């Protein structure tokens, strides 16, 4: 009970609240900053590679290979997940049959 009261007091402590608010604002500003930096980097890459005609075909090939690799990974993960769910289903069936025998 004392811990709950201390927690309530801590929440209403203005210094603690101000520190938490500053921390949340700082986290939000970091997210915005990272997002803006990513957009700037992408724009710089596009601007520097725009004049190279071979770059577009290389990027197209790279995106195709990446797509194929990601789809293979997704298939492997789904097969692995299906095996796990089948194992859980078998365990549930065996447990329910044991309970039926016991009751």
C-alpha atoms as a PDB file:
ATOM      1  CA  UNK A   1       0.000   0.000   0.000  1.00  0.00           C
ATOM      2  CA  UNK A   2       2.850   2.392   0.785  1.00  0.00           C
ATOM      3  CA  UNK A   3       4.383   1.744  -2.608  1.00  0.00           C
ATOM      4  CA  UNK A   4       1.121   2.684  -4.295  1.00  0.00           C
ATOM      5  CA  UNK A   5       0.934   5.930  -2.318  1.00  0.00           C
ATOM      6  CA  UNK A   6       4.536   6.757  -3.182  1.00  0.00           C
ATOM      7  CA  UNK A   7       3.808   6.066  -6.827  1.00  0.00           C
ATOM      8  CA  UNK A   8       0.791   8.411  -6.722  1.00  0.00           C
ATOM      9  CA  UNK A   9       2.872  11.070  -5.010  1.00  0.00           C
ATOM     10  CA  UNK A  10       5.597  10.625  -7.612  1.00  0.00           C
ATOM     11  CA  UNK A  11       3.147  11.075 -10.478  1.00  0.00           C
ATOM     12  CA  UNK A  12       1.917  14.350  -9.052  1.00  0.00           C
ATOM     13  CA  UNK A  13       5.390  15.545  -8.201  1.00  0.00           C
ATOM     14  CA  UNK A  14       5.886  18.420 -10.614  1.00  0.00           C
ATOM     15  CA  UNK A  15       9.613  17.864 -11.099  1.00  0.00           C
ATOM     16  CA  UNK A  16       9.097  14.179 -11.889  1.00  0.00           C
ATOM     17  CA  UNK A  17       6.252  15.025 -14.272  1.00  0.00           C
ATOM     18  CA  UNK A  18       8.311  17.705 -15.994  1.00  0.00           C
ATOM     19  CA  UNK A  19      11.207  15.302 -16.446  1.00  0.00           C
ATOM     20  CA  UNK A  20       8.931  12.651 -17.948  1.00  0.00           C
ATOM     21  CA  UNK A  21       7.358  15.246 -20.239  1.00  0.00           C
ATOM     22  CA  UNK A  22      10.791  16.433 -21.396  1.00  0.00           C
ATOM     23  CA  UNK A  23      11.798  12.827 -22.057  1.00  0.00           C
ATOM     24  CA  UNK A  24       8.679  12.158 -24.147  1.00  0.00           C
ATOM     25  CA  UNK A  25       9.173  15.370 -26.118  1.00  0.00           C
ATOM     26  CA  UNK A  26      12.809  14.469 -26.724  1.00  0.00           C
ATOM     27  CA  UNK A  27      11.797  11.009 -27.981  1.00  0.00           C
ATOM     28  CA  UNK A  28       9.283  12.592 -30.351  1.00  0.00           C
ATOM     29  CA  UNK A  29      11.841  15.071 -31.673  1.00  0.00           C
ATOM     30  CA  UNK A  30      14.331  12.255 -32.226  1.00  0.00           C
ATOM     31  CA  UNK A  31      11.759  10.386 -34.315  1.00  0.00           C
ATOM     32  CA  UNK A  32      11.052  13.472 -36.417  1.00  0.00           C
ATOM     33  CA  UNK A  33      14.762  14.158 -36.840  1.00  0.00           C
ATOM     34  CA  UNK A  34      15.491  10.598 -37.943  1.00  0.00           C
ATOM     35  CA  UNK A  35      12.591  10.704 -40.403  1.00  0.00           C
ATOM     36  CA  UNK A  36      13.764  14.004 -41.891  1.00  0.00           C
ATOM     37  CA  UNK A  37      17.344  12.721 -42.179  1.00  0.00           C
ATOM     38  CA  UNK A  38      16.159   9.562 -43.963  1.00  0.00           C
ATOM     39  CA  UNK A  39      14.180  11.663 -46.461  1.00  0.00           C
ATOM     40  CA  UNK A  40      17.211  13.921 -47.045  1.00  0.00           C
ATOM     41  CA  UNK A  41      19.482  10.906 -47.610  1.00  0.00           C
ATOM     42  CA  UNK A  42      17.025   9.380 -50.078  1.00  0.00           C
ATOM     43  CA  UNK A  43      16.732  12.672 -51.956  1.00  0.00           C
ATOM     44  CA  UNK A  44      20.518  13.010 -52.128  1.00  0.00           C
ATOM     45  CA  UNK A  45      20.890   9.468 -53.455  1.00  0.00           C
ATOM     46  CA  UNK A  46      18.204  10.044 -56.074  1.00  0.00           C
ATOM     47  CA  UNK A  47      19.723  13.368 -57.102  1.00  0.00           C
ATOM     48  CA  UNK A  48      23.259  12.002 -57.474  1.00  0.00           C
ATOM     49  CA  UNK A  49      22.233   8.840 -59.333  1.00  0.00           C
ATOM     50  CA  UNK A  50      19.609  10.424 -61.586  1.00  0.00           C
ATOM     51  CA  UNK A  51      22.098  11.226 -64.333  1.00  0.00           C
ATOM     52  CA  UNK A  52      23.408   7.644 -64.593  1.00  0.00           C
ATOM     53  CA  UNK A  53      21.175   5.688 -67.017  1.00  0.00           C
ATOM     54  CA  UNK A  54      22.649   2.317 -66.006  1.00  0.00           C
ATOM     55  CA  UNK A  55      21.749   2.914 -62.388  1.00  0.00           C
ATOM     56  CA  UNK A  56      18.027   2.597 -63.040  1.00  0.00           C
ATOM     57  CA  UNK A  57      18.394  -0.843 -64.591  1.00  0.00           C
ATOM     58  CA  UNK A  58      20.699  -1.968 -61.781  1.00  0.00           C
ATOM     59  CA  UNK A  59      18.220  -0.693 -59.202  1.00  0.00           C
ATOM     60  CA  UNK A  60      15.385  -2.507 -60.979  1.00  0.00           C
ATOM     61  CA  UNK A  61      17.354  -5.773 -60.942  1.00  0.00           C
ATOM     62  CA  UNK A  62      18.315  -5.257 -57.292  1.00  0.00           C
ATOM     63  CA  UNK A  63      14.719  -4.639 -56.269  1.00  0.00           C
ATOM     64  CA  UNK A  64      13.617  -7.779 -58.113  1.00  0.00           C
ATOM     65  CA  UNK A  65      16.237  -9.910 -56.350  1.00  0.00           C
ATOM     66  CA  UNK A  66      15.328  -8.356 -52.997  1.00  0.00           C
ATOM     67  CA  UNK A  67      11.654  -9.100 -53.594  1.00  0.00           C
ATOM     68  CA  UNK A  68      12.402 -12.732 -54.418  1.00  0.00           C
ATOM     69  CA  UNK A  69      14.583 -13.150 -51.321  1.00  0.00           C
ATOM     70  CA  UNK A  70      11.948 -11.575 -49.064  1.00  0.00           C
ATOM     71  CA  UNK A  71       9.203 -13.786 -50.493  1.00  0.00           C
ATOM     72  CA  UNK A  72      11.313 -16.907 -49.877  1.00  0.00           C
ATOM     73  CA  UNK A  73      11.919 -15.762 -46.282  1.00  0.00           C
ATOM     74  CA  UNK A  74       8.176 -15.175 -45.834  1.00  0.00           C
ATOM     75  CA  UNK A  75       7.403 -18.670 -47.130  1.00  0.00           C
ATOM     76  CA  UNK A  76       9.945 -20.227 -44.763  1.00  0.00           C
ATOM     77  CA  UNK A  77       8.556 -18.298 -41.799  1.00  0.00           C
ATOM     78  CA  UNK A  78       4.969 -19.287 -42.625  1.00  0.00           C
ATOM     79  CA  UNK A  79       5.935 -22.970 -42.969  1.00  0.00           C
ATOM     80  CA  UNK A  80       7.775 -22.790 -39.650  1.00  0.00           C
ATOM     81  CA  UNK A  81       4.790 -21.105 -37.995  1.00  0.00           C
ATOM     82  CA  UNK A  82       2.432 -23.723 -39.415  1.00  0.00           C
ATOM     83  CA  UNK A  83       4.587 -26.508 -37.971  1.00  0.00           C
ATOM     84  CA  UNK A  84       4.527 -24.852 -34.560  1.00  0.00           C
ATOM     85  CA  UNK A  85       0.758 -24.371 -34.624  1.00  0.00           C
ATOM     86  CA  UNK A  86       0.297 -27.990 -35.676  1.00  0.00           C
ATOM     87  CA  UNK A  87       2.453 -29.076 -32.736  1.00  0.00           C
ATOM     88  CA  UNK A  88       0.360 -26.987 -30.344  1.00  0.00           C
ATOM     89  CA  UNK A  89      -2.814 -28.440 -31.846  1.00  0.00           C
ATOM     90  CA  UNK A  90      -1.535 -31.996 -31.337  1.00  0.00           C
ATOM     91  CA  UNK A  91      -0.625 -31.197 -27.727  1.00  0.00           C
ATOM     92  CA  UNK A  92      -4.103 -29.788 -27.100  1.00  0.00           C
ATOM     93  CA  UNK A  93      -5.763 -32.843 -28.637  1.00  0.00           C
ATOM     94  CA  UNK A  94      -3.673 -35.213 -26.521  1.00  0.00           C
ATOM     95  CA  UNK A  95      -4.345 -33.169 -23.379  1.00  0.00           C
ATOM     96  CA  UNK A  96      -8.086 -33.121 -24.031  1.00  0.00           C
ATOM     97  CA  UNK A  97      -8.130 -36.863 -24.628  1.00  0.00           C
ATOM     98  CA  UNK A  98      -6.261 -37.405 -21.349  1.00  0.00           C
ATOM     99  CA  UNK A  99      -8.788 -35.229 -19.555  1.00  0.00           C
ATOM    100  CA  UNK A 100     -11.675 -37.149 -21.090  1.00  0.00           C
ATOM    101  CA  UNK A 101     -10.189 -40.430 -19.890  1.00  0.00           C
ATOM    102  CA  UNK A 102      -9.593 -38.994 -16.433  1.00  0.00           C
ATOM    103  CA  UNK A 103     -13.116 -37.599 -16.096  1.00  0.00           C
END
